[in-house]
Amino acid sequence: MDQEAFKRAAGYRAAEFIQSGMVVGLGSGSTARYATERIAQKLASGELREIIAVPTSEATAELARQGRIPLTTLDEQPIIDVTIDGADEVDPQLDLIKGLGGAQLREKIVAFASQREIIVVDESKLVERLGSKAPLPVEVFAFGLRNTWRALEATGAQVTQRMRAGEPFITDEGNLILDCHYAPYISNAAALAVTLKAIPGVVEHGLFLGMAETIVVAAASGVRLISR
């Protein structure tokens, strides 16, 4: 199996957590999209009925519409039964780094509203310490960018601005992303999360601490579940 096959296996397995009548959070990213794909297939076959979903990005919303998954909003459905999302890193405590796809703000809002947060990954995303492979994405306002940048550097980060096609990456909410690299890893994720939220200009960061209930991991040996 190649990496795409691993991602598909994890996404399809995670879709088994969805039952008829649920309000579902649809995550963003390359692995979570396979869960959305599978949910659409189950709706089309009649295996699932009366599902409504809250997407975590405009891209996910479009994918859901293509699959004829009915969409709703958090204003209409403030409690989500199950959210299936991906992650860029998962540590042994099931804490996460998310946001390389640029949707961490909506993803965190949806996760906070969810009774269960199911994370789908291939085994390459498992790490001993957060930040050892992936940078930490921080969504920031454009106003005062240089001051925010300097404040992030003061936390010990090497900071780079997220770009796409030679232009600054813009999130669905119209903000920028600064990717923060902590070498060799983030030493205290809980303390860093508090520090980042206290910086004026920071909208949200990609540390998802204590939010994931179950991790669906796909590897060459098969799919396994890791739960709290």
C-alpha atoms as a PDB file:
ATOM      1  CA  MET A   1       0.000   0.000   0.000  1.00  0.00           C
ATOM      2  CA  ASP A   2       1.208   3.508  -0.799  1.00  0.00           C
ATOM      3  CA  GLN A   3       0.557   6.540   1.385  1.00  0.00           C
ATOM      4  CA  GLU A   4      -2.698   7.415  -0.396  1.00  0.00           C
ATOM      5  CA  ALA A   5      -3.944   3.884   0.224  1.00  0.00           C
ATOM      6  CA  PHE A   6      -3.070   4.289   3.922  1.00  0.00           C
ATOM      7  CA  LYS A   7      -5.009   7.546   4.070  1.00  0.00           C
ATOM      8  CA  ARG A   8      -8.019   5.997   2.353  1.00  0.00           C
ATOM      9  CA  ALA A   9      -7.990   3.038   4.747  1.00  0.00           C
ATOM     10  CA  ALA A  10      -7.933   5.359   7.778  1.00  0.00           C
ATOM     11  CA  GLY A  11     -10.650   7.624   6.408  1.00  0.00           C
ATOM     12  CA  TYR A  12     -12.944   4.740   5.508  1.00  0.00           C
ATOM     13  CA  ARG A  13     -12.450   3.131   8.922  1.00  0.00           C
ATOM     14  CA  ALA A  14     -13.266   6.394  10.683  1.00  0.00           C
ATOM     15  CA  ALA A  15     -16.504   6.702   8.712  1.00  0.00           C
ATOM     16  CA  GLU A  16     -17.727   3.609  10.561  1.00  0.00           C
ATOM     17  CA  PHE A  17     -18.169   5.803  13.654  1.00  0.00           C
ATOM     18  CA  ILE A  18     -20.971   7.684  11.893  1.00  0.00           C
ATOM     19  CA  GLN A  19     -24.548   6.554  12.479  1.00  0.00           C
ATOM     20  CA  SER A  20     -27.829   7.634  10.937  1.00  0.00           C
ATOM     21  CA  GLY A  21     -29.318  10.797  12.377  1.00  0.00           C
ATOM     22  CA  MET A  22     -26.006  12.267  13.506  1.00  0.00           C
ATOM     23  CA  VAL A  23     -24.681  15.790  13.186  1.00  0.00           C
ATOM     24  CA  VAL A  24     -21.197  15.253  11.771  1.00  0.00           C
ATOM     25  CA  GLY A  25     -18.133  17.495  11.639  1.00  0.00           C
ATOM     26  CA  LEU A  26     -16.263  17.094   8.367  1.00  0.00           C
ATOM     27  CA  GLY A  27     -12.559  17.781   8.685  1.00  0.00           C
ATOM     28  CA  SER A  28     -10.153  19.187   6.138  1.00  0.00           C
ATOM     29  CA  GLY A  29      -7.027  17.761   4.602  1.00  0.00           C
ATOM     30  CA  SER A  30      -5.907  14.842   2.511  1.00  0.00           C
ATOM     31  CA  THR A  31      -6.854  12.054   4.929  1.00  0.00           C
ATOM     32  CA  ALA A  32     -10.113  13.468   6.275  1.00  0.00           C
ATOM     33  CA  ARG A  33     -11.430  13.874   2.741  1.00  0.00           C
ATOM     34  CA  TYR A  34     -11.547  10.089   2.412  1.00  0.00           C
ATOM     35  CA  ALA A  35     -13.891   9.945   5.407  1.00  0.00           C
ATOM     36  CA  THR A  36     -16.127  12.515   3.719  1.00  0.00           C
ATOM     37  CA  GLU A  37     -15.996  10.465   0.528  1.00  0.00           C
ATOM     38  CA  ARG A  38     -17.028   7.317   2.403  1.00  0.00           C
ATOM     39  CA  ILE A  39     -19.874   9.065   4.232  1.00  0.00           C
ATOM     40  CA  ALA A  40     -21.189  10.249   0.858  1.00  0.00           C
ATOM     41  CA  GLN A  41     -21.060   6.695  -0.468  1.00  0.00           C
ATOM     42  CA  LYS A  42     -22.975   5.392   2.547  1.00  0.00           C
ATOM     43  CA  LEU A  43     -25.631   8.065   2.138  1.00  0.00           C
ATOM     44  CA  ALA A  44     -26.005   7.253  -1.546  1.00  0.00           C
ATOM     45  CA  SER A  45     -26.427   3.536  -0.822  1.00  0.00           C
ATOM     46  CA  GLY A  46     -28.929   4.131   1.989  1.00  0.00           C
ATOM     47  CA  GLU A  47     -26.627   2.656   4.628  1.00  0.00           C
ATOM     48  CA  LEU A  48     -26.724   6.059   6.343  1.00  0.00           C
ATOM     49  CA  ARG A  49     -29.758   8.331   6.558  1.00  0.00           C
ATOM     50  CA  GLU A  50     -30.563  11.807   7.860  1.00  0.00           C
ATOM     51  CA  ILE A  51     -26.962  12.949   8.251  1.00  0.00           C
ATOM     52  CA  ILE A  52     -26.236  16.655   8.392  1.00  0.00           C
ATOM     53  CA  ALA A  53     -22.700  17.972   8.426  1.00  0.00           C
ATOM     54  CA  VAL A  54     -20.668  21.007   9.461  1.00  0.00           C
ATOM     55  CA  PRO A  55     -17.623  21.480   7.198  1.00  0.00           C
ATOM     56  CA  THR A  56     -14.365  22.886   8.567  1.00  0.00           C
ATOM     57  CA  SER A  57     -13.310  24.646   5.354  1.00  0.00           C
ATOM     58  CA  GLU A  58     -14.697  25.902   2.088  1.00  0.00           C
ATOM     59  CA  ALA A  59     -12.871  23.086   0.293  1.00  0.00           C
ATOM     60  CA  THR A  60     -14.537  20.488   2.511  1.00  0.00           C
ATOM     61  CA  ALA A  61     -17.911  22.145   1.997  1.00  0.00           C
ATOM     62  CA  GLU A  62     -17.487  21.840  -1.770  1.00  0.00           C
ATOM     63  CA  LEU A  63     -16.444  18.183  -1.456  1.00  0.00           C
ATOM     64  CA  ALA A  64     -19.527  17.499   0.678  1.00  0.00           C
ATOM     65  CA  ARG A  65     -21.815  19.213  -1.821  1.00  0.00           C
ATOM     66  CA  GLN A  66     -20.347  17.099  -4.603  1.00  0.00           C
ATOM     67  CA  GLY A  67     -21.134  14.009  -2.515  1.00  0.00           C
ATOM     68  CA  ARG A  68     -24.673  15.268  -1.766  1.00  0.00           C
ATOM     69  CA  ILE A  69     -24.034  15.438   1.978  1.00  0.00           C
ATOM     70  CA  PRO A  70     -26.510  17.928   3.506  1.00  0.00           C
ATOM     71  CA  LEU A  71     -24.724  20.815   5.192  1.00  0.00           C
ATOM     72  CA  THR A  72     -25.605  22.877   8.225  1.00  0.00           C
ATOM     73  CA  THR A  73     -23.918  25.458  10.449  1.00  0.00           C
ATOM     74  CA  LEU A  74     -22.931  25.645  14.099  1.00  0.00           C
ATOM     75  CA  ASP A  75     -25.567  28.337  14.591  1.00  0.00           C
ATOM     76  CA  GLU A  76     -28.206  25.828  13.483  1.00  0.00           C
ATOM     77  CA  GLN A  77     -26.582  22.790  15.151  1.00  0.00           C
ATOM     78  CA  PRO A  78     -24.357  23.936  18.038  1.00  0.00           C
ATOM     79  CA  ILE A  79     -23.620  20.381  19.218  1.00  0.00           C
ATOM     80  CA  ILE A  80     -21.845  17.962  16.885  1.00  0.00           C
ATOM     81  CA  ASP A  81     -22.045  14.238  17.591  1.00  0.00           C
ATOM     82  CA  VAL A  82     -18.809  13.158  15.882  1.00  0.00           C
ATOM     83  CA  THR A  83     -16.124  15.027  13.988  1.00  0.00           C
ATOM     84  CA  ILE A  84     -13.643  13.226  11.766  1.00  0.00           C
ATOM     85  CA  ASP A  85     -10.520  15.226  11.024  1.00  0.00           C
ATOM     86  CA  GLY A  86      -6.873  14.764  10.194  1.00  0.00           C
ATOM     87  CA  ALA A  87      -3.684  15.878  11.935  1.00  0.00           C
ATOM     88  CA  ASP A  88      -0.115  16.735  11.033  1.00  0.00           C
ATOM     89  CA  GLU A  89       1.357  15.232  14.202  1.00  0.00           C
ATOM     90  CA  VAL A  90      -0.001  13.043  17.015  1.00  0.00           C
ATOM     91  CA  ASP A  91       1.947  12.417  20.217  1.00  0.00           C
ATOM     92  CA  PRO A  92       1.516   9.538  22.724  1.00  0.00           C
ATOM     93  CA  GLN A  93      -0.917  11.652  24.808  1.00  0.00           C
ATOM     94  CA  LEU A  94      -3.087  12.092  21.673  1.00  0.00           C
ATOM     95  CA  ASP A  95      -2.263  15.791  21.529  1.00  0.00           C
ATOM     96  CA  LEU A  96      -2.035  17.178  18.025  1.00  0.00           C
ATOM     97  CA  ILE A  97      -0.533  19.697  15.686  1.00  0.00           C
ATOM     98  CA  LYS A  98      -2.974  20.682  12.955  1.00  0.00           C
ATOM     99  CA  GLY A  99      -3.115  23.408  10.374  1.00  0.00           C
ATOM    100  CA  LEU A 100      -0.744  22.621   7.525  1.00  0.00           C
ATOM    101  CA  GLY A 101      -3.855  22.767   5.354  1.00  0.00           C
ATOM    102  CA  GLY A 102      -4.655  26.207   6.732  1.00  0.00           C
ATOM    103  CA  ALA A 103      -8.013  25.409   8.347  1.00  0.00           C
ATOM    104  CA  GLN A 104      -7.050  25.135  12.026  1.00  0.00           C
ATOM    105  CA  LEU A 105      -9.323  27.981  13.176  1.00  0.00           C
ATOM    106  CA  ARG A 106     -12.546  26.416  11.913  1.00  0.00           C
ATOM    107  CA  GLU A 107     -11.248  22.959  12.788  1.00  0.00           C
ATOM    108  CA  LYS A 108     -10.741  23.982  16.413  1.00  0.00           C
ATOM    109  CA  ILE A 109     -14.142  25.682  16.654  1.00  0.00           C
ATOM    110  CA  VAL A 110     -15.794  22.525  15.311  1.00  0.00           C
ATOM    111  CA  ALA A 111     -13.714  20.264  17.584  1.00  0.00           C
ATOM    112  CA  PHE A 112     -14.731  22.341  20.614  1.00  0.00           C
ATOM    113  CA  ALA A 113     -18.395  21.810  19.692  1.00  0.00           C
ATOM    114  CA  SER A 114     -17.963  18.044  19.189  1.00  0.00           C
ATOM    115  CA  GLN A 115     -18.859  15.306  21.632  1.00  0.00           C
ATOM    116  CA  ARG A 116     -16.303  13.013  19.956  1.00  0.00           C
ATOM    117  CA  GLU A 117     -13.239  13.993  17.939  1.00  0.00           C
ATOM    118  CA  ILE A 118     -11.927  11.188  15.743  1.00  0.00           C
ATOM    119  CA  ILE A 119      -8.548  11.808  14.110  1.00  0.00           C
ATOM    120  CA  VAL A 120      -7.427   9.934  10.996  1.00  0.00           C
ATOM    121  CA  VAL A 121      -3.733   9.645  10.103  1.00  0.00           C
ATOM    122  CA  ASP A 122      -1.196   7.388   8.486  1.00  0.00           C
ATOM    123  CA  GLU A 123       1.537   6.160  10.799  1.00  0.00           C
ATOM    124  CA  SER A 124       4.058   8.748   9.559  1.00  0.00           C
ATOM    125  CA  LYS A 125       2.145  11.355  11.614  1.00  0.00           C
ATOM    126  CA  LEU A 126       2.896   9.649  14.951  1.00  0.00           C
ATOM    127  CA  VAL A 127       5.666  11.396  16.899  1.00  0.00           C
ATOM    128  CA  GLU A 128       7.154  11.221  20.372  1.00  0.00           C
ATOM    129  CA  ARG A 129       7.167  15.017  20.804  1.00  0.00           C
ATOM    130  CA  LEU A 130       5.061  17.636  19.032  1.00  0.00           C
ATOM    131  CA  GLY A 131       6.990  19.857  16.671  1.00  0.00           C
ATOM    132  CA  SER A 132       9.641  17.268  15.896  1.00  0.00           C
ATOM    133  CA  LYS A 133       8.515  16.974  12.254  1.00  0.00           C
ATOM    134  CA  ALA A 134       5.895  19.611  11.503  1.00  0.00           C
ATOM    135  CA  PRO A 135       5.959  23.357  12.123  1.00  0.00           C
ATOM    136  CA  LEU A 136       3.268  24.831  14.327  1.00  0.00           C
ATOM    137  CA  PRO A 137       0.856  26.915  12.208  1.00  0.00           C
ATOM    138  CA  VAL A 138      -0.293  30.161  13.821  1.00  0.00           C
ATOM    139  CA  GLU A 139      -3.117  32.131  12.193  1.00  0.00           C
ATOM    140  CA  VAL A 140      -2.587  35.875  12.568  1.00  0.00           C
ATOM    141  CA  PHE A 141      -4.100  39.193  11.534  1.00  0.00           C
ATOM    142  CA  ALA A 142      -2.322  41.107   8.783  1.00  0.00           C
ATOM    143  CA  PHE A 143      -2.506  44.261  10.909  1.00  0.00           C
ATOM    144  CA  GLY A 144       0.614  44.536  13.047  1.00  0.00           C
ATOM    145  CA  LEU A 145       2.170  41.512  11.360  1.00  0.00           C
ATOM    146  CA  ARG A 146       5.787  42.416  12.172  1.00  0.00           C
ATOM    147  CA  ASN A 147       5.052  42.901  15.854  1.00  0.00           C
ATOM    148  CA  THR A 148       3.221  39.571  15.987  1.00  0.00           C
ATOM    149  CA  TRP A 149       6.123  37.954  14.130  1.00  0.00           C
ATOM    150  CA  ARG A 150       8.637  39.268  16.681  1.00  0.00           C
ATOM    151  CA  ALA A 151       6.462  38.087  19.582  1.00  0.00           C
ATOM    152  CA  LEU A 152       6.381  34.595  18.084  1.00  0.00           C
ATOM    153  CA  GLU A 153      10.148  34.615  17.666  1.00  0.00           C
ATOM    154  CA  ALA A 154      10.412  35.501  21.363  1.00  0.00           C
ATOM    155  CA  THR A 155       8.760  32.141  22.177  1.00  0.00           C
ATOM    156  CA  GLY A 156      11.799  30.424  20.635  1.00  0.00           C
ATOM    157  CA  ALA A 157      10.349  29.858  17.173  1.00  0.00           C
ATOM    158  CA  GLN A 158      11.952  30.223  13.789  1.00  0.00           C
ATOM    159  CA  VAL A 159       9.109  31.920  11.921  1.00  0.00           C
ATOM    160  CA  THR A 160       8.245  31.744   8.220  1.00  0.00           C
ATOM    161  CA  GLN A 161       5.202  33.087   6.443  1.00  0.00           C
ATOM    162  CA  ARG A 162       2.997  30.590   4.621  1.00  0.00           C
ATOM    163  CA  MET A 163       3.040  31.301   0.872  1.00  0.00           C
ATOM    164  CA  ARG A 164       1.168  29.870  -2.088  1.00  0.00           C
ATOM    165  CA  ALA A 165       2.151  30.448  -5.714  1.00  0.00           C
ATOM    166  CA  GLY A 166       4.449  33.250  -4.595  1.00  0.00           C
ATOM    167  CA  GLU A 167       1.714  35.082  -2.701  1.00  0.00           C
ATOM    168  CA  PRO A 168       0.828  35.103   1.028  1.00  0.00           C
ATOM    169  CA  PHE A 169      -1.493  32.231   1.914  1.00  0.00           C
ATOM    170  CA  ILE A 170      -4.907  33.567   2.951  1.00  0.00           C
ATOM    171  CA  THR A 171      -7.184  31.487   5.180  1.00  0.00           C
ATOM    172  CA  ASP A 172     -10.937  31.116   4.696  1.00  0.00           C
ATOM    173  CA  GLU A 173     -11.315  33.831   7.338  1.00  0.00           C
ATOM    174  CA  GLY A 174      -9.027  36.235   5.464  1.00  0.00           C
ATOM    175  CA  ASN A 175      -6.030  35.898   7.778  1.00  0.00           C
ATOM    176  CA  LEU A 176      -2.371  34.978   7.321  1.00  0.00           C
ATOM    177  CA  ILE A 177      -0.454  31.967   8.629  1.00  0.00           C
ATOM    178  CA  LEU A 178       2.983  32.059  10.218  1.00  0.00           C
ATOM    179  CA  ASP A 179       4.629  28.645  10.529  1.00  0.00           C
ATOM    180  CA  CYS A 180       6.644  28.346  13.728  1.00  0.00           C
ATOM    181  CA  HIS A 181       9.503  25.842  13.882  1.00  0.00           C
ATOM    182  CA  TYR A 182      10.642  24.795  17.357  1.00  0.00           C
ATOM    183  CA  ALA A 183      13.911  22.830  17.313  1.00  0.00           C
ATOM    184  CA  PRO A 184      14.237  20.047  18.139  1.00  0.00           C
ATOM    185  CA  TYR A 185      10.597  19.941  19.351  1.00  0.00           C
ATOM    186  CA  ILE A 186       8.061  21.808  21.503  1.00  0.00           C
ATOM    187  CA  SER A 187       9.224  21.292  25.073  1.00  0.00           C
ATOM    188  CA  ASN A 188       5.977  22.277  26.838  1.00  0.00           C
ATOM    189  CA  ALA A 189       2.955  22.376  24.539  1.00  0.00           C
ATOM    190  CA  ALA A 190       0.465  23.381  27.255  1.00  0.00           C
ATOM    191  CA  ALA A 191       2.527  26.388  28.334  1.00  0.00           C
ATOM    192  CA  LEU A 192       3.180  27.390  24.729  1.00  0.00           C
ATOM    193  CA  ALA A 193      -0.543  27.290  23.947  1.00  0.00           C
ATOM    194  CA  VAL A 194      -1.234  29.772  26.745  1.00  0.00           C
ATOM    195  CA  THR A 195       1.608  32.042  25.654  1.00  0.00           C
ATOM    196  CA  LEU A 196       0.492  32.102  22.017  1.00  0.00           C
ATOM    197  CA  LYS A 197      -3.106  32.982  22.863  1.00  0.00           C
ATOM    198  CA  ALA A 198      -1.874  35.936  24.912  1.00  0.00           C
ATOM    199  CA  ILE A 199      -0.106  37.544  21.927  1.00  0.00           C
ATOM    200  CA  PRO A 200      -2.205  40.338  20.363  1.00  0.00           C
ATOM    201  CA  GLY A 201      -2.597  39.589  16.668  1.00  0.00           C
ATOM    202  CA  VAL A 202      -2.707  35.804  17.098  1.00  0.00           C
ATOM    203  CA  VAL A 203      -6.107  34.507  16.015  1.00  0.00           C
ATOM    204  CA  GLU A 204      -5.526  30.791  16.662  1.00  0.00           C
ATOM    205  CA  HIS A 205      -2.740  28.213  16.765  1.00  0.00           C
ATOM    206  CA  GLY A 206      -2.485  24.608  15.659  1.00  0.00           C
ATOM    207  CA  LEU A 207      -2.008  22.961  19.068  1.00  0.00           C
ATOM    208  CA  PHE A 208      -5.036  20.746  19.734  1.00  0.00           C
ATOM    209  CA  LEU A 209      -4.510  19.570  23.309  1.00  0.00           C
ATOM    210  CA  GLY A 210      -6.843  17.125  25.020  1.00  0.00           C
ATOM    211  CA  MET A 211      -9.393  17.299  22.203  1.00  0.00           C
ATOM    212  CA  ALA A 212      -8.934  13.998  20.355  1.00  0.00           C
ATOM    213  CA  GLU A 213     -10.704  10.934  21.720  1.00  0.00           C
ATOM    214  CA  THR A 214      -9.632   8.305  19.190  1.00  0.00           C
ATOM    215  CA  ILE A 215      -6.868   8.149  16.601  1.00  0.00           C
ATOM    216  CA  VAL A 216      -7.393   5.939  13.544  1.00  0.00           C
ATOM    217  CA  VAL A 217      -3.944   4.967  12.276  1.00  0.00           C
ATOM    218  CA  ALA A 218      -3.324   3.259   8.947  1.00  0.00           C
ATOM    219  CA  ALA A 219      -0.076   1.401   8.306  1.00  0.00           C
ATOM    220  CA  ALA A 220       1.229  -1.444   6.172  1.00  0.00           C
ATOM    221  CA  SER A 221       0.161  -3.831   8.934  1.00  0.00           C
ATOM    222  CA  GLY A 222      -3.427  -2.573   8.811  1.00  0.00           C
ATOM    223  CA  VAL A 223      -5.636  -0.037  10.568  1.00  0.00           C
ATOM    224  CA  ARG A 224      -5.565   0.292  14.344  1.00  0.00           C
ATOM    225  CA  LEU A 225      -7.287   2.501  16.889  1.00  0.00           C
ATOM    226  CA  ILE A 226      -5.628   4.423  19.719  1.00  0.00           C
ATOM    227  CA  SER A 227      -8.038   5.799  22.314  1.00  0.00           C
ATOM    228  CA  ARG A 228      -7.862   7.709  25.563  1.00  0.00           C
END
